Amino acid sequence: MLNEEICRLRERLNDSIINGEDYSITYKISVELDQLIAEYYKIELNLSKKKKVKEGIRKKRTLR
């Protein structure tokens, strides 16, 4: 879902640049896109941390 929104905004940003829209519109889209990308990486980082914790727990269990 978040990936789809990022792709949609990226497309809007590209269209805005190509069509020479007002800078304020292009800037607004760019800021929205940056926020979504930051949210995406925050989620991915949290998932990665959780995965590492689970792997660490599994390793400890197998060492016992």
N, C-alpha and C. Protein backbone atom coordinates (compact mmCIF):
# COMPACT_ATOMS: atom_id res chain seq x y z
N MET A 1 0.82 -1.19 0.00
CA MET A 1 0.00 0.00 0.00
C MET A 1 0.87 1.26 0.00
N LEU A 2 1.83 1.30 0.91
CA LEU A 2 2.71 2.45 0.98
C LEU A 2 3.55 2.55 -0.29
N ASN A 3 3.98 1.41 -0.80
CA ASN A 3 4.74 1.40 -2.06
C ASN A 3 3.93 2.00 -3.20
N GLU A 4 2.66 1.64 -3.24
CA GLU A 4 1.78 2.15 -4.30
C GLU A 4 1.63 3.66 -4.20
N GLU A 5 1.49 4.15 -2.98
CA GLU A 5 1.34 5.60 -2.77
C GLU A 5 2.64 6.32 -3.17
N ILE A 6 3.77 5.73 -2.84
CA ILE A 6 5.06 6.33 -3.22
C ILE A 6 5.17 6.39 -4.74
N CYS A 7 4.82 5.31 -5.41
CA CYS A 7 4.87 5.29 -6.88
C CYS A 7 3.93 6.32 -7.48
N ARG A 8 2.75 6.44 -6.90
CA ARG A 8 1.76 7.40 -7.41
C ARG A 8 2.29 8.83 -7.27
N LEU A 9 2.84 9.14 -6.10
CA LEU A 9 3.36 10.49 -5.88
C LEU A 9 4.59 10.76 -6.74
N ARG A 10 5.41 9.75 -6.93
CA ARG A 10 6.60 9.91 -7.79
C ARG A 10 6.16 10.26 -9.21
N GLU A 11 5.11 9.59 -9.66
CA GLU A 11 4.57 9.87 -10.99
C GLU A 11 4.02 11.30 -11.07
N ARG A 12 3.30 11.71 -10.02
CA ARG A 12 2.77 13.08 -9.98
C ARG A 12 3.90 14.10 -9.99
N LEU A 13 4.97 13.81 -9.24
CA LEU A 13 6.10 14.73 -9.19
C LEU A 13 6.76 14.83 -10.56
N ASN A 14 6.99 13.70 -11.20
CA ASN A 14 7.58 13.72 -12.54
C ASN A 14 6.72 14.50 -13.53
N ASP A 15 5.41 14.27 -13.48
CA ASP A 15 4.50 15.00 -14.36
C ASP A 15 4.54 16.50 -14.09
N SER A 16 4.59 16.85 -12.81
CA SER A 16 4.64 18.25 -12.43
C SER A 16 5.89 18.93 -12.98
N ILE A 17 7.00 18.24 -12.91
CA ILE A 17 8.26 18.79 -13.42
C ILE A 17 8.22 18.90 -14.94
N ILE A 18 7.77 17.81 -15.59
CA ILE A 18 7.73 17.80 -17.05
C ILE A 18 6.79 18.87 -17.59
N ASN A 19 5.65 19.05 -16.91
CA ASN A 19 4.64 20.00 -17.39
C ASN A 19 4.94 21.44 -16.96
N GLY A 20 6.01 21.63 -16.21
CA GLY A 20 6.39 22.98 -15.81
C GLY A 20 5.39 23.64 -14.88
N GLU A 21 4.78 22.83 -14.01
CA GLU A 21 3.82 23.40 -13.08
C GLU A 21 4.50 24.38 -12.14
N ASP A 22 3.70 25.18 -11.46
CA ASP A 22 4.21 26.15 -10.51
C ASP A 22 5.11 25.46 -9.50
N TYR A 23 6.18 26.15 -9.13
CA TYR A 23 7.17 25.57 -8.22
C TYR A 23 6.54 25.14 -6.90
N SER A 24 5.59 25.90 -6.40
CA SER A 24 4.99 25.58 -5.10
C SER A 24 4.25 24.24 -5.15
N ILE A 25 3.66 23.91 -6.28
CA ILE A 25 2.97 22.62 -6.44
C ILE A 25 4.00 21.50 -6.48
N THR A 26 5.04 21.69 -7.28
CA THR A 26 6.10 20.69 -7.39
C THR A 26 6.76 20.46 -6.03
N TYR A 27 7.00 21.54 -5.33
CA TYR A 27 7.63 21.45 -4.01
C TYR A 27 6.74 20.68 -3.03
N LYS A 28 5.45 20.99 -3.02
CA LYS A 28 4.51 20.32 -2.13
C LYS A 28 4.49 18.81 -2.39
N ILE A 29 4.44 18.43 -3.65
CA ILE A 29 4.45 17.01 -4.00
C ILE A 29 5.76 16.37 -3.55
N SER A 30 6.86 17.06 -3.75
CA SER A 30 8.17 16.55 -3.36
C SER A 30 8.25 16.32 -1.85
N VAL A 31 7.72 17.25 -1.08
CA VAL A 31 7.73 17.11 0.38
C VAL A 31 6.87 15.93 0.80
N GLU A 32 5.70 15.78 0.19
CA GLU A 32 4.83 14.64 0.50
C GLU A 32 5.54 13.32 0.18
N LEU A 33 6.21 13.29 -0.95
CA LEU A 33 6.93 12.09 -1.35
C LEU A 33 8.05 11.78 -0.37
N ASP A 34 8.79 12.79 0.03
CA ASP A 34 9.87 12.59 1.01
C ASP A 34 9.33 12.02 2.32
N GLN A 35 8.18 12.52 2.76
CA GLN A 35 7.59 12.03 4.00
C GLN A 35 7.18 10.57 3.89
N LEU A 36 6.61 10.20 2.76
CA LEU A 36 6.21 8.81 2.55
C LEU A 36 7.42 7.89 2.50
N ILE A 37 8.47 8.34 1.84
CA ILE A 37 9.69 7.53 1.75
C ILE A 37 10.30 7.36 3.14
N ALA A 38 10.31 8.42 3.93
CA ALA A 38 10.83 8.33 5.30
C ALA A 38 10.00 7.35 6.12
N GLU A 39 8.69 7.40 5.96
CA GLU A 39 7.81 6.47 6.67
C GLU A 39 8.08 5.03 6.24
N TYR A 40 8.28 4.84 4.94
CA TYR A 40 8.58 3.50 4.41
C TYR A 40 9.85 2.95 5.05
N TYR A 41 10.92 3.75 5.07
CA TYR A 41 12.18 3.28 5.63
C TYR A 41 12.08 3.06 7.14
N LYS A 42 11.28 3.87 7.82
CA LYS A 42 11.08 3.67 9.25
C LYS A 42 10.42 2.32 9.51
N ILE A 43 9.42 1.99 8.74
CA ILE A 43 8.74 0.70 8.86
C ILE A 43 9.70 -0.43 8.54
N GLU A 44 10.45 -0.30 7.46
CA GLU A 44 11.39 -1.35 7.07
C GLU A 44 12.47 -1.54 8.12
N LEU A 45 12.94 -0.46 8.71
CA LEU A 45 13.97 -0.55 9.75
C LEU A 45 13.41 -1.28 10.97
N ASN A 46 12.19 -0.95 11.36
CA ASN A 46 11.56 -1.63 12.50
C ASN A 46 11.38 -3.11 12.22
N LEU A 47 10.95 -3.44 11.02
CA LEU A 47 10.78 -4.85 10.67
C LEU A 47 12.11 -5.59 10.69
N SER A 48 13.14 -4.93 10.21
CA SER A 48 14.48 -5.52 10.19
C SER A 48 14.97 -5.77 11.61
N LYS A 49 14.74 -4.81 12.51
CA LYS A 49 15.16 -4.97 13.90
C LYS A 49 14.41 -6.13 14.55
N LYS A 50 13.10 -6.21 14.31
CA LYS A 50 12.30 -7.29 14.89
C LYS A 50 12.78 -8.64 14.38
N LYS A 51 13.13 -8.70 13.10
CA LYS A 51 13.61 -9.95 12.52
C LYS A 51 14.92 -10.37 13.17
N LYS A 52 15.81 -9.41 13.39
CA LYS A 52 17.09 -9.72 14.02
C LYS A 52 16.89 -10.20 15.46
N VAL A 53 15.95 -9.60 16.17
CA VAL A 53 15.67 -10.02 17.54
C VAL A 53 15.15 -11.44 17.54
N LYS A 54 14.21 -11.74 16.63
CA LYS A 54 13.67 -13.10 16.55
C LYS A 54 14.77 -14.11 16.22
N GLU A 55 15.65 -13.75 15.31
CA GLU A 55 16.75 -14.64 14.94
C GLU A 55 17.69 -14.86 16.12
N GLY A 56 17.92 -13.81 16.91
CA GLY A 56 18.76 -13.92 18.09
C GLY A 56 18.14 -14.85 19.12
N ILE A 57 16.83 -14.76 19.29
CA ILE A 57 16.12 -15.63 20.23
C ILE A 57 16.21 -17.08 19.76
N ARG A 58 16.03 -17.30 18.49
CA ARG A 58 16.12 -18.66 17.94
C ARG A 58 17.51 -19.25 18.16
N LYS A 59 18.54 -18.43 17.94
CA LYS A 59 19.91 -18.91 18.12
C LYS A 59 20.17 -19.30 19.57
N LYS A 60 19.65 -18.46 20.50
CA LYS A 60 19.84 -18.76 21.92
C LYS A 60 19.15 -20.05 22.30
N ARG A 61 17.97 -20.29 21.74
CA ARG A 61 17.22 -21.51 22.04
C ARG A 61 17.96 -22.75 21.52
N THR A 62 18.58 -22.64 20.37
CA THR A 62 19.26 -23.79 19.80
C THR A 62 20.60 -24.05 20.51
N LEU A 63 21.16 -23.04 21.14
CA LEU A 63 22.42 -23.22 21.85
C LEU A 63 22.22 -23.90 23.20
N ARG A 64 21.01 -23.88 23.72
CA ARG A 64 20.75 -24.48 25.05
C ARG A 64 20.72 -25.95 25.00
